[in-house]
Amino acid sequence: MFRRTFWFTAGAAAGVWATTKVNRKIRSLTPESLAAQAANKAIDAGHRLKDFALDVRDGMAQREAELGEVLGLDGRPDPGLPAQRRTGAAGRLAGDQQIKYIENTTYTYNRNEDH
């Protein structure tokens, strides 16, 4: 009698466990769930990419500081050198007239600058 009750209870528990597991898997494979999982993975990948870019930028700044120290570049210009030009040659027209869209822009024209 106890043996039959044990196996009946074990079978019922296994059935409930299997049904719950199958229902969870079915819910995880719905289009809405798959879209949410893909969005979460894309957000995580974006965060990892941003962290990588910040690490690279920190490494570049550190290396630039090391190179500046080794080369003796301390940011102060030599007083014997001419002053740095403020406007580019492409921004000038004949007659010393400035192109209007260049003087009102916030963009820099250094193509080697980190964007």
PDB file of N, CA and C in Angstrom:
ATOM      1  N   MET A   1       0.823  -1.195   0.000  1.00  0.00           N
ATOM      2  CA  MET A   1       0.000   0.000   0.000  1.00  0.00           C
ATOM      3  C   MET A   1       0.867   1.259   0.000  1.00  0.00           C
ATOM      4  N   PHE A   2       1.900   1.262   0.880  1.00  0.00           N
ATOM      5  CA  PHE A   2       2.781   2.437   0.925  1.00  0.00           C
ATOM      6  C   PHE A   2       3.592   2.571  -0.360  1.00  0.00           C
ATOM      7  N   ARG A   3       3.946   1.447  -0.932  1.00  0.00           N
ATOM      8  CA  ARG A   3       4.732   1.481  -2.143  1.00  0.00           C
ATOM      9  C   ARG A   3       3.919   2.101  -3.279  1.00  0.00           C
ATOM     10  N   ARG A   4       2.651   1.766  -3.420  1.00  0.00           N
ATOM     11  CA  ARG A   4       1.795   2.356  -4.439  1.00  0.00           C
ATOM     12  C   ARG A   4       1.598   3.851  -4.210  1.00  0.00           C
ATOM     13  N   THR A   5       1.437   4.244  -2.992  1.00  0.00           N
ATOM     14  CA  THR A   5       1.255   5.662  -2.659  1.00  0.00           C
ATOM     15  C   THR A   5       2.528   6.439  -2.980  1.00  0.00           C
ATOM     16  N   PHE A   6       3.682   5.853  -2.654  1.00  0.00           N
ATOM     17  CA  PHE A   6       4.954   6.515  -2.950  1.00  0.00           C
ATOM     18  C   PHE A   6       5.109   6.742  -4.447  1.00  0.00           C
ATOM     19  N   TRP A   7       4.872   5.712  -5.259  1.00  0.00           N
ATOM     20  CA  TRP A   7       5.068   5.835  -6.701  1.00  0.00           C
ATOM     21  C   TRP A   7       4.015   6.746  -7.329  1.00  0.00           C
ATOM     22  N   PHE A   8       2.801   6.728  -6.800  1.00  0.00           N
ATOM     23  CA  PHE A   8       1.774   7.644  -7.299  1.00  0.00           C
ATOM     24  C   PHE A   8       2.182   9.086  -7.025  1.00  0.00           C
ATOM     25  N   THR A   9       2.662   9.373  -5.815  1.00  0.00           N
ATOM     26  CA  THR A   9       3.099  10.723  -5.448  1.00  0.00           C
ATOM     27  C   THR A   9       4.322  11.139  -6.270  1.00  0.00           C
ATOM     28  N   ALA A  10       5.270  10.218  -6.453  1.00  0.00           N
ATOM     29  CA  ALA A  10       6.461  10.529  -7.245  1.00  0.00           C
ATOM     30  C   ALA A  10       6.073  10.829  -8.689  1.00  0.00           C
ATOM     31  N   GLY A  11       5.152  10.085  -9.262  1.00  0.00           N
ATOM     32  CA  GLY A  11       4.691  10.316 -10.634  1.00  0.00           C
ATOM     33  C   GLY A  11       3.970  11.640 -10.770  1.00  0.00           C
ATOM     34  N   ALA A  12       3.132  11.971  -9.798  1.00  0.00           N
ATOM     35  CA  ALA A  12       2.412  13.246  -9.831  1.00  0.00           C
ATOM     36  C   ALA A  12       3.388  14.408  -9.724  1.00  0.00           C
ATOM     37  N   ALA A  13       4.383  14.284  -8.846  1.00  0.00           N
ATOM     38  CA  ALA A  13       5.386  15.348  -8.688  1.00  0.00           C
ATOM     39  C   ALA A  13       6.202  15.506  -9.972  1.00  0.00           C
ATOM     40  N   ALA A  14       6.581  14.396 -10.604  1.00  0.00           N
ATOM     41  CA  ALA A  14       7.332  14.473 -11.857  1.00  0.00           C
ATOM     42  C   ALA A  14       6.482  15.100 -12.953  1.00  0.00           C
ATOM     43  N   GLY A  15       5.212  14.796 -12.994  1.00  0.00           N
ATOM     44  CA  GLY A  15       4.309  15.390 -13.981  1.00  0.00           C
ATOM     45  C   GLY A  15       4.167  16.891 -13.791  1.00  0.00           C
ATOM     46  N   VAL A  16       4.006  17.315 -12.541  1.00  0.00           N
ATOM     47  CA  VAL A  16       3.903  18.756 -12.256  1.00  0.00           C
ATOM     48  C   VAL A  16       5.203  19.454 -12.620  1.00  0.00           C
ATOM     49  N   TRP A  17       6.336  18.859 -12.264  1.00  0.00           N
ATOM     50  CA  TRP A  17       7.642  19.458 -12.580  1.00  0.00           C
ATOM     51  C   TRP A  17       7.828  19.586 -14.096  1.00  0.00           C
ATOM     52  N   ALA A  18       7.504  18.504 -14.843  1.00  0.00           N
ATOM     53  CA  ALA A  18       7.675  18.518 -16.295  1.00  0.00           C
ATOM     54  C   ALA A  18       6.739  19.531 -16.946  1.00  0.00           C
ATOM     55  N   THR A  19       5.513  19.610 -16.494  1.00  0.00           N
ATOM     56  CA  THR A  19       4.556  20.567 -17.054  1.00  0.00           C
ATOM     57  C   THR A  19       5.014  21.996 -16.814  1.00  0.00           C
ATOM     58  N   THR A  20       5.501  22.277 -15.614  1.00  0.00           N
ATOM     59  CA  THR A  20       5.987  23.621 -15.297  1.00  0.00           C
ATOM     60  C   THR A  20       7.186  23.974 -16.160  1.00  0.00           C
ATOM     61  N   LYS A  21       8.101  23.031 -16.315  1.00  0.00           N
ATOM     62  CA  LYS A  21       9.301  23.272 -17.122  1.00  0.00           C
ATOM     63  C   LYS A  21       8.935  23.529 -18.587  1.00  0.00           C
ATOM     64  N   VAL A  22       8.029  22.747 -19.139  1.00  0.00           N
ATOM     65  CA  VAL A  22       7.609  22.912 -20.536  1.00  0.00           C
ATOM     66  C   VAL A  22       6.903  24.258 -20.713  1.00  0.00           C
ATOM     67  N   ASN A  23       6.040  24.637 -19.786  1.00  0.00           N
ATOM     68  CA  ASN A  23       5.324  25.917 -19.895  1.00  0.00           C
ATOM     69  C   ASN A  23       6.294  27.096 -19.828  1.00  0.00           C
ATOM     70  N   ARG A  24       7.307  27.026 -18.982  1.00  0.00           N
ATOM     71  CA  ARG A  24       8.313  28.092 -18.909  1.00  0.00           C
ATOM     72  C   ARG A  24       9.074  28.208 -20.229  1.00  0.00           C
ATOM     73  N   LYS A  25       9.424  27.063 -20.812  1.00  0.00           N
ATOM     74  CA  LYS A  25      10.166  27.067 -22.075  1.00  0.00           C
ATOM     75  C   LYS A  25       9.297  27.634 -23.203  1.00  0.00           C
ATOM     76  N   ILE A  26       8.038  27.279 -23.214  1.00  0.00           N
ATOM     77  CA  ILE A  26       7.129  27.800 -24.240  1.00  0.00           C
ATOM     78  C   ILE A  26       6.993  29.310 -24.101  1.00  0.00           C
ATOM     79  N   ARG A  27       6.851  29.813 -22.869  1.00  0.00           N
ATOM     80  CA  ARG A  27       6.755  31.268 -22.648  1.00  0.00           C
ATOM     81  C   ARG A  27       8.033  31.980 -23.057  1.00  0.00           C
ATOM     82  N   SER A  28       9.191  31.321 -22.879  1.00  0.00           N
ATOM     83  CA  SER A  28      10.449  31.976 -23.231  1.00  0.00           C
ATOM     84  C   SER A  28      10.678  32.016 -24.736  1.00  0.00           C
ATOM     85  N   LEU A  29       9.909  31.234 -25.505  1.00  0.00           N
ATOM     86  CA  LEU A  29      10.072  31.196 -26.947  1.00  0.00           C
ATOM     87  C   LEU A  29       8.996  31.986 -27.699  1.00  0.00           C
ATOM     88  N   THR A  30       8.202  32.770 -27.005  1.00  0.00           N
ATOM     89  CA  THR A  30       7.221  33.615 -27.687  1.00  0.00           C
ATOM     90  C   THR A  30       7.952  34.771 -28.369  1.00  0.00           C
ATOM     91  N   PRO A  31       7.377  35.345 -29.422  1.00  0.00           N
ATOM     92  CA  PRO A  31       8.040  36.464 -30.114  1.00  0.00           C
ATOM     93  C   PRO A  31       8.348  37.643 -29.194  1.00  0.00           C
ATOM     94  N   GLU A  32       7.448  37.963 -28.286  1.00  0.00           N
ATOM     95  CA  GLU A  32       7.685  39.079 -27.368  1.00  0.00           C
ATOM     96  C   GLU A  32       8.873  38.802 -26.461  1.00  0.00           C
ATOM     97  N   SER A  33       8.959  37.585 -25.963  1.00  0.00           N
ATOM     98  CA  SER A  33      10.070  37.221 -25.078  1.00  0.00           C
ATOM     99  C   SER A  33      11.393  37.215 -25.835  1.00  0.00           C
ATOM    100  N   LEU A  34      11.374  36.693 -27.068  1.00  0.00           N
ATOM    101  CA  LEU A  34      12.597  36.684 -27.867  1.00  0.00           C
ATOM    102  C   LEU A  34      13.044  38.108 -28.196  1.00  0.00           C
ATOM    103  N   ALA A  35      12.090  38.997 -28.484  1.00  0.00           N
ATOM    104  CA  ALA A  35      12.440  40.392 -28.767  1.00  0.00           C
ATOM    105  C   ALA A  35      13.035  41.061 -27.530  1.00  0.00           C
ATOM    106  N   ALA A  36      12.464  40.783 -26.375  1.00  0.00           N
ATOM    107  CA  ALA A  36      12.988  41.368 -25.137  1.00  0.00           C
ATOM    108  C   ALA A  36      14.395  40.838 -24.845  1.00  0.00           C
ATOM    109  N   GLN A  37      14.621  39.553 -25.074  1.00  0.00           N
ATOM    110  CA  GLN A  37      15.951  38.986 -24.858  1.00  0.00           C
ATOM    111  C   GLN A  37      16.969  39.598 -25.811  1.00  0.00           C
ATOM    112  N   ALA A  38      16.578  39.788 -27.075  1.00  0.00           N
ATOM    113  CA  ALA A  38      17.487  40.388 -28.050  1.00  0.00           C
ATOM    114  C   ALA A  38      17.799  41.837 -27.669  1.00  0.00           C
ATOM    115  N   ALA A  39      16.784  42.571 -27.210  1.00  0.00           N
ATOM    116  CA  ALA A  39      17.008  43.960 -26.801  1.00  0.00           C
ATOM    117  C   ALA A  39      17.945  44.026 -25.600  1.00  0.00           C
ATOM    118  N   ASN A  40      17.756  43.139 -24.647  1.00  0.00           N
ATOM    119  CA  ASN A  40      18.641  43.120 -23.475  1.00  0.00           C
ATOM    120  C   ASN A  40      20.073  42.799 -23.863  1.00  0.00           C
ATOM    121  N   LYS A  41      20.255  41.857 -24.783  1.00  0.00           N
ATOM    122  CA  LYS A  41      21.608  41.518 -25.223  1.00  0.00           C
ATOM    123  C   LYS A  41      22.242  42.667 -25.992  1.00  0.00           C
ATOM    124  N   ALA A  42      21.438  43.378 -26.789  1.00  0.00           N
ATOM    125  CA  ALA A  42      21.971  44.529 -27.520  1.00  0.00           C
ATOM    126  C   ALA A  42      22.388  45.638 -26.562  1.00  0.00           C
ATOM    127  N   ILE A  43      21.602  45.866 -25.530  1.00  0.00           N
ATOM    128  CA  ILE A  43      21.947  46.891 -24.536  1.00  0.00           C
ATOM    129  C   ILE A  43      23.230  46.492 -23.802  1.00  0.00           C
ATOM    130  N   ASP A  44      23.326  45.223 -23.429  1.00  0.00           N
ATOM    131  CA  ASP A  44      24.550  44.750 -22.758  1.00  0.00           C
ATOM    132  C   ASP A  44      25.769  44.900 -23.659  1.00  0.00           C
ATOM    133  N   ALA A  45      25.615  44.569 -24.945  1.00  0.00           N
ATOM    134  CA  ALA A  45      26.732  44.712 -25.878  1.00  0.00           C
ATOM    135  C   ALA A  45      27.124  46.180 -26.017  1.00  0.00           C
ATOM    136  N   GLY A  46      26.134  47.069 -26.041  1.00  0.00           N
ATOM    137  CA  GLY A  46      26.424  48.497 -26.108  1.00  0.00           C
ATOM    138  C   GLY A  46      27.186  48.981 -24.889  1.00  0.00           C
ATOM    139  N   HIS A  47      26.803  48.502 -23.717  1.00  0.00           N
ATOM    140  CA  HIS A  47      27.519  48.883 -22.488  1.00  0.00           C
ATOM    141  C   HIS A  47      28.955  48.367 -22.508  1.00  0.00           C
ATOM    142  N   ARG A  48      29.139  47.132 -22.971  1.00  0.00           N
ATOM    143  CA  ARG A  48      30.500  46.588 -23.047  1.00  0.00           C
ATOM    144  C   ARG A  48      31.346  47.353 -24.054  1.00  0.00           C
ATOM    145  N   LEU A  49      30.735  47.739 -25.179  1.00  0.00           N
ATOM    146  CA  LEU A  49      31.453  48.506 -26.194  1.00  0.00           C
ATOM    147  C   LEU A  49      31.826  49.892 -25.666  1.00  0.00           C
ATOM    148  N   LYS A  50      30.920  50.513 -24.927  1.00  0.00           N
ATOM    149  CA  LYS A  50      31.202  51.825 -24.347  1.00  0.00           C
ATOM    150  C   LYS A  50      32.328  51.724 -23.322  1.00  0.00           C
ATOM    151  N   ASP A  51      32.278  50.689 -22.483  1.00  0.00           N
ATOM    152  CA  ASP A  51      33.355  50.494 -21.501  1.00  0.00           C
ATOM    153  C   ASP A  51      34.697  50.286 -22.193  1.00  0.00           C
ATOM    154  N   PHE A  52      34.691  49.520 -23.290  1.00  0.00           N
ATOM    155  CA  PHE A  52      35.920  49.299 -24.045  1.00  0.00           C
ATOM    156  C   PHE A  52      36.437  50.617 -24.617  1.00  0.00           C
ATOM    157  N   ALA A  53      35.538  51.415 -25.188  1.00  0.00           N
ATOM    158  CA  ALA A  53      35.958  52.696 -25.763  1.00  0.00           C
ATOM    159  C   ALA A  53      36.524  53.616 -24.683  1.00  0.00           C
ATOM    160  N   LEU A  54      35.923  53.627 -23.507  1.00  0.00           N
ATOM    161  CA  LEU A  54      36.442  54.455 -22.415  1.00  0.00           C
ATOM    162  C   LEU A  54      37.808  53.965 -21.955  1.00  0.00           C
ATOM    163  N   ASP A  55      37.990  52.649 -21.916  1.00  0.00           N
ATOM    164  CA  ASP A  55      39.302  52.101 -21.549  1.00  0.00           C
ATOM    165  C   ASP A  55      40.358  52.483 -22.585  1.00  0.00           C
ATOM    166  N   VAL A  56      39.983  52.403 -23.863  1.00  0.00           N
ATOM    167  CA  VAL A  56      40.925  52.786 -24.919  1.00  0.00           C
ATOM    168  C   VAL A  56      41.271  54.262 -24.803  1.00  0.00           C
ATOM    169  N   ARG A  57      40.268  55.105 -24.552  1.00  0.00           N
ATOM    170  CA  ARG A  57      40.511  56.545 -24.422  1.00  0.00           C
ATOM    171  C   ARG A  57      41.414  56.843 -23.228  1.00  0.00           C
ATOM    172  N   ASP A  58      41.189  56.150 -22.118  1.00  0.00           N
ATOM    173  CA  ASP A  58      42.064  56.337 -20.950  1.00  0.00           C
ATOM    174  C   ASP A  58      43.490  55.912 -21.266  1.00  0.00           C
ATOM    175  N   GLY A  59      43.631  54.777 -21.961  1.00  0.00           N
ATOM    176  CA  GLY A  59      44.954  54.313 -22.338  1.00  0.00           C
ATOM    177  C   GLY A  59      45.652  55.282 -23.284  1.00  0.00           C
ATOM    178  N   MET A  60      44.890  55.856 -24.214  1.00  0.00           N
ATOM    179  CA  MET A  60      45.478  56.831 -25.142  1.00  0.00           C
ATOM    180  C   MET A  60      45.945  58.069 -24.394  1.00  0.00           C
ATOM    181  N   ALA A  61      45.123  58.547 -23.457  1.00  0.00           N
ATOM    182  CA  ALA A  61      45.515  59.734 -22.699  1.00  0.00           C
ATOM    183  C   ALA A  61      46.756  59.456 -21.855  1.00  0.00           C
ATOM    184  N   GLN A  62      46.810  58.268 -21.259  1.00  0.00           N
ATOM    185  CA  GLN A  62      47.973  57.908 -20.457  1.00  0.00           C
ATOM    186  C   GLN A  62      49.225  57.824 -21.330  1.00  0.00           C
ATOM    187  N   ARG A  63      49.091  57.188 -22.502  1.00  0.00           N
ATOM    188  CA  ARG A  63      50.246  57.057 -23.391  1.00  0.00           C
ATOM    189  C   ARG A  63      50.677  58.420 -23.927  1.00  0.00           C
ATOM    190  N   GLU A  64      49.706  59.279 -24.230  1.00  0.00           N
ATOM    191  CA  GLU A  64      50.038  60.619 -24.700  1.00  0.00           C
ATOM    192  C   GLU A  64      50.793  61.399 -23.631  1.00  0.00           C
ATOM    193  N   ALA A  65      50.357  61.249 -22.366  1.00  0.00           N
ATOM    194  CA  ALA A  65      51.060  61.922 -21.274  1.00  0.00           C
ATOM    195  C   ALA A  65      52.479  61.373 -21.125  1.00  0.00           C
ATOM    196  N   GLU A  66      52.629  60.055 -21.265  1.00  0.00           N
ATOM    197  CA  GLU A  66      53.970  59.452 -21.176  1.00  0.00           C
ATOM    198  C   GLU A  66      54.869  59.974 -22.294  1.00  0.00           C
ATOM    199  N   LEU A  67      54.333  60.006 -23.522  1.00  0.00           N
ATOM    200  CA  LEU A  67      55.121  60.506 -24.646  1.00  0.00           C
ATOM    201  C   LEU A  67      55.454  61.980 -24.477  1.00  0.00           C
ATOM    202  N   GLY A  68      54.502  62.773 -23.991  1.00  0.00           N
ATOM    203  CA  GLY A  68      54.761  64.187 -23.751  1.00  0.00           C
ATOM    204  C   GLY A  68      55.841  64.392 -22.717  1.00  0.00           C
ATOM    205  N   GLU A  69      55.845  63.540 -21.699  1.00  0.00           N
ATOM    206  CA  GLU A  69      56.868  63.637 -20.659  1.00  0.00           C
ATOM    207  C   GLU A  69      58.243  63.260 -21.215  1.00  0.00           C
ATOM    208  N   VAL A  70      58.282  62.190 -22.003  1.00  0.00           N
ATOM    209  CA  VAL A  70      59.547  61.736 -22.573  1.00  0.00           C
ATOM    210  C   VAL A  70      60.096  62.757 -23.573  1.00  0.00           C
ATOM    211  N   LEU A  71      59.209  63.343 -24.383  1.00  0.00           N
ATOM    212  CA  LEU A  71      59.648  64.294 -25.407  1.00  0.00           C
ATOM    213  C   LEU A  71      59.818  65.714 -24.876  1.00  0.00           C
ATOM    214  N   GLY A  72      59.450  65.929 -23.633  1.00  0.00           N
ATOM    215  CA  GLY A  72      59.617  67.250 -23.029  1.00  0.00           C
ATOM    216  C   GLY A  72      58.544  68.249 -23.444  1.00  0.00           C
ATOM    217  N   LEU A  73      57.375  67.756 -23.806  1.00  0.00           N
ATOM    218  CA  LEU A  73      56.266  68.639 -24.173  1.00  0.00           C
ATOM    219  C   LEU A  73      55.431  68.896 -22.926  1.00  0.00           C
ATOM    220  N   ASP A  74      55.546  70.084 -22.372  1.00  0.00           N
ATOM    221  CA  ASP A  74      54.795  70.377 -21.150  1.00  0.00           C
ATOM    222  C   ASP A  74      53.620  71.299 -21.398  1.00  0.00           C
ATOM    223  N   GLY A  75      53.283  71.584 -22.657  1.00  0.00           N
ATOM    224  CA  GLY A  75      52.121  72.386 -22.966  1.00  0.00           C
ATOM    225  C   GLY A  75      52.394  73.874 -23.034  1.00  0.00           C
ATOM    226  N   ARG A  76      53.533  74.336 -22.574  1.00  0.00           N
ATOM    227  CA  ARG A  76      53.863  75.763 -22.647  1.00  0.00           C
ATOM    228  C   ARG A  76      54.680  76.008 -23.911  1.00  0.00           C
ATOM    229  N   PRO A  77      54.200  76.889 -24.796  1.00  0.00           N
ATOM    230  CA  PRO A  77      54.942  77.123 -26.039  1.00  0.00           C
ATOM    231  C   PRO A  77      56.223  77.916 -25.782  1.00  0.00           C
ATOM    232  N   ASP A  78      57.181  77.686 -26.631  1.00  0.00           N
ATOM    233  CA  ASP A  78      58.447  78.405 -26.572  1.00  0.00           C
ATOM    234  C   ASP A  78      58.195  79.854 -26.979  1.00  0.00           C
ATOM    235  N   PRO A  79      58.612  80.847 -26.162  1.00  0.00           N
ATOM    236  CA  PRO A  79      58.336  82.242 -26.509  1.00  0.00           C
ATOM    237  C   PRO A  79      59.035  82.688 -27.791  1.00  0.00           C
ATOM    238  N   GLY A  80      60.040  81.981 -28.236  1.00  0.00           N
ATOM    239  CA  GLY A  80      60.740  82.349 -29.456  1.00  0.00           C
ATOM    240  C   GLY A  80      60.009  81.908 -30.722  1.00  0.00           C
ATOM    241  N   LEU A  81      58.990  81.061 -30.597  1.00  0.00           N
ATOM    242  CA  LEU A  81      58.260  80.562 -31.761  1.00  0.00           C
ATOM    243  C   LEU A  81      57.104  81.494 -32.102  1.00  0.00           C
ATOM    244  N   PRO A  82      56.676  81.534 -33.366  1.00  0.00           N
ATOM    245  CA  PRO A  82      55.516  82.355 -33.720  1.00  0.00           C
ATOM    246  C   PRO A  82      54.248  81.779 -33.099  1.00  0.00           C
ATOM    247  N   ALA A  83      53.241  82.641 -32.938  1.00  0.00           N
ATOM    248  CA  ALA A  83      51.979  82.218 -32.327  1.00  0.00           C
ATOM    249  C   ALA A  83      51.248  81.245 -33.250  1.00  0.00           C
ATOM    250  N   GLN A  84      50.435  80.379 -32.651  1.00  0.00           N
ATOM    251  CA  GLN A  84      49.679  79.408 -33.412  1.00  0.00           C
ATOM    252  C   GLN A  84      48.567  80.097 -34.188  1.00  0.00           C
ATOM    253  N   ARG A  85      48.322  79.653 -35.435  1.00  0.00           N
ATOM    254  CA  ARG A  85      47.245  80.226 -36.227  1.00  0.00           C
ATOM    255  C   ARG A  85      45.913  79.734 -35.687  1.00  0.00           C
ATOM    256  N   ARG A  86      44.944  80.613 -35.622  1.00  0.00           N
ATOM    257  CA  ARG A  86      43.630  80.268 -35.075  1.00  0.00           C
ATOM    258  C   ARG A  86      42.640  79.827 -36.146  1.00  0.00           C
ATOM    259  N   THR A  87      42.767  80.321 -37.378  1.00  0.00           N
ATOM    260  CA  THR A  87      41.834  79.957 -38.436  1.00  0.00           C
ATOM    261  C   THR A  87      42.567  79.172 -39.499  1.00  0.00           C
ATOM    262  N   GLY A  88      41.841  78.281 -40.160  1.00  0.00           N
ATOM    263  CA  GLY A  88      42.438  77.481 -41.218  1.00  0.00           C
ATOM    264  C   GLY A  88      42.517  78.254 -42.517  1.00  0.00           C
ATOM    265  N   ALA A  89      43.383  77.825 -43.392  1.00  0.00           N
ATOM    266  CA  ALA A  89      43.554  78.483 -44.680  1.00  0.00           C
ATOM    267  C   ALA A  89      42.328  78.293 -45.554  1.00  0.00           C
ATOM    268  N   ALA A  90      41.581  77.208 -45.369  1.00  0.00           N
ATOM    269  CA  ALA A  90      40.403  76.961 -46.195  1.00  0.00           C
ATOM    270  C   ALA A  90      39.265  77.914 -45.854  1.00  0.00           C
ATOM    271  N   GLY A  91      39.313  78.541 -44.711  1.00  0.00           N
ATOM    272  CA  GLY A  91      38.248  79.443 -44.286  1.00  0.00           C
ATOM    273  C   GLY A  91      38.401  80.846 -44.829  1.00  0.00           C
ATOM    274  N   ARG A  92      39.383  81.113 -45.627  1.00  0.00           N
ATOM    275  CA  ARG A  92      39.639  82.460 -46.142  1.00  0.00           C
ATOM    276  C   ARG A  92      39.250  82.559 -47.613  1.00  0.00           C
ATOM    277  N   LEU A  93      38.687  83.707 -47.972  1.00  0.00           N
ATOM    278  CA  LEU A  93      38.369  84.021 -49.356  1.00  0.00           C
ATOM    279  C   LEU A  93      39.255  85.157 -49.830  1.00  0.00           C
ATOM    280  N   ALA A  94      39.190  85.421 -51.113  1.00  0.00           N
ATOM    281  CA  ALA A  94      39.934  86.562 -51.646  1.00  0.00           C
ATOM    282  C   ALA A  94      39.381  87.836 -51.022  1.00  0.00           C
ATOM    283  N   GLY A  95      40.238  88.753 -50.711  1.00  0.00           N
ATOM    284  CA  GLY A  95      39.807  89.989 -50.087  1.00  0.00           C
ATOM    285  C   GLY A  95      39.648  89.859 -48.592  1.00  0.00           C
ATOM    286  N   ASP A  96      40.152  88.795 -48.013  1.00  0.00           N
ATOM    287  CA  ASP A  96      40.123  88.585 -46.559  1.00  0.00           C
ATOM    288  C   ASP A  96      38.703  88.478 -46.005  1.00  0.00           C
ATOM    289  N   GLN A  97      37.785  87.886 -46.763  1.00  0.00           N
ATOM    290  CA  GLN A  97      36.413  87.692 -46.292  1.00  0.00           C
ATOM    291  C   GLN A  97      36.274  86.267 -45.765  1.00  0.00           C
ATOM    292  N   GLN A  98      35.647  86.125 -44.623  1.00  0.00           N
ATOM    293  CA  GLN A  98      35.459  84.827 -43.979  1.00  0.00           C
ATOM    294  C   GLN A  98      34.201  84.158 -44.533  1.00  0.00           C
ATOM    295  N   ILE A  99      34.253  82.841 -44.749  1.00  0.00           N
ATOM    296  CA  ILE A  99      33.059  82.110 -45.158  1.00  0.00           C
ATOM    297  C   ILE A  99      32.135  82.035 -43.953  1.00  0.00           C
ATOM    298  N   LYS A 100      30.838  82.358 -44.156  1.00  0.00           N
ATOM    299  CA  LYS A 100      29.904  82.499 -43.030  1.00  0.00           C
ATOM    300  C   LYS A 100      29.671  81.192 -42.281  1.00  0.00           C
ATOM    301  N   TYR A 101      29.534  80.073 -42.983  1.00  0.00           N
ATOM    302  CA  TYR A 101      29.219  78.842 -42.272  1.00  0.00           C
ATOM    303  C   TYR A 101      30.390  78.318 -41.458  1.00  0.00           C
ATOM    304  N   ILE A 102      31.607  78.716 -41.752  1.00  0.00           N
ATOM    305  CA  ILE A 102      32.757  78.241 -40.977  1.00  0.00           C
ATOM    306  C   ILE A 102      32.875  79.002 -39.664  1.00  0.00           C
ATOM    307  N   GLU A 103      32.579  80.273 -39.655  1.00  0.00           N
ATOM    308  CA  GLU A 103      32.765  81.027 -38.416  1.00  0.00           C
ATOM    309  C   GLU A 103      31.673  80.752 -37.395  1.00  0.00           C
ATOM    310  N   ASN A 104      30.537  80.213 -37.811  1.00  0.00           N
ATOM    311  CA  ASN A 104      29.435  79.971 -36.881  1.00  0.00           C
ATOM    312  C   ASN A 104      29.303  78.509 -36.474  1.00  0.00           C
ATOM    313  N   THR A 105      30.202  77.661 -36.899  1.00  0.00           N
ATOM    314  CA  THR A 105      30.087  76.246 -36.593  1.00  0.00           C
ATOM    315  C   THR A 105      30.800  75.908 -35.282  1.00  0.00           C
ATOM    316  N   THR A 106      30.376  74.802 -34.686  1.00  0.00           N
ATOM    317  CA  THR A 106      31.008  74.339 -33.440  1.00  0.00           C
ATOM    318  C   THR A 106      31.956  73.180 -33.702  1.00  0.00           C
ATOM    319  N   TYR A 107      32.071  72.728 -34.959  1.00  0.00           N
ATOM    320  CA  TYR A 107      32.909  71.593 -35.280  1.00  0.00           C
ATOM    321  C   TYR A 107      34.367  72.022 -35.412  1.00  0.00           C
ATOM    322  N   THR A 108      35.249  71.105 -35.068  1.00  0.00           N
ATOM    323  CA  THR A 108      36.666  71.354 -35.280  1.00  0.00           C
ATOM    324  C   THR A 108      37.056  70.772 -36.622  1.00  0.00           C
ATOM    325  N   TYR A 109      38.158  71.229 -37.146  1.00  0.00           N
ATOM    326  CA  TYR A 109      38.579  70.774 -38.456  1.00  0.00           C
ATOM    327  C   TYR A 109      39.819  69.906 -38.386  1.00  0.00           C
ATOM    328  N   ASN A 110      40.111  69.363 -37.240  1.00  0.00           N
ATOM    329  CA  ASN A 110      41.232  68.455 -37.065  1.00  0.00           C
ATOM    330  C   ASN A 110      40.732  67.048 -37.326  1.00  0.00           C
ATOM    331  N   ARG A 111      41.122  66.450 -38.419  1.00  0.00           N
ATOM    332  CA  ARG A 111      40.627  65.123 -38.786  1.00  0.00           C
ATOM    333  C   ARG A 111      41.213  64.028 -37.903  1.00  0.00           C
ATOM    334  N   ASN A 112      42.299  64.331 -37.176  1.00  0.00           N
ATOM    335  CA  ASN A 112      42.923  63.333 -36.316  1.00  0.00           C
ATOM    336  C   ASN A 112      42.356  63.351 -34.908  1.00  0.00           C
ATOM    337  N   GLU A 113      41.420  64.230 -34.665  1.00  0.00           N
ATOM    338  CA  GLU A 113      40.851  64.366 -33.331  1.00  0.00           C
ATOM    339  C   GLU A 113      39.958  63.167 -33.008  1.00  0.00           C
ATOM    340  N   ASP A 114      39.955  62.754 -31.780  1.00  0.00           N
ATOM    341  CA  ASP A 114      39.117  61.650 -31.335  1.00  0.00           C
ATOM    342  C   ASP A 114      37.666  62.112 -31.310  1.00  0.00           C
ATOM    343  N   HIS A 115      36.788  61.365 -31.988  1.00  0.00           N
ATOM    344  CA  HIS A 115      35.375  61.756 -32.060  1.00  0.00           C
ATOM    345  C   HIS A 115      34.554  60.888 -31.172  1.00  0.00           C
TER     346      HIS A 115
END
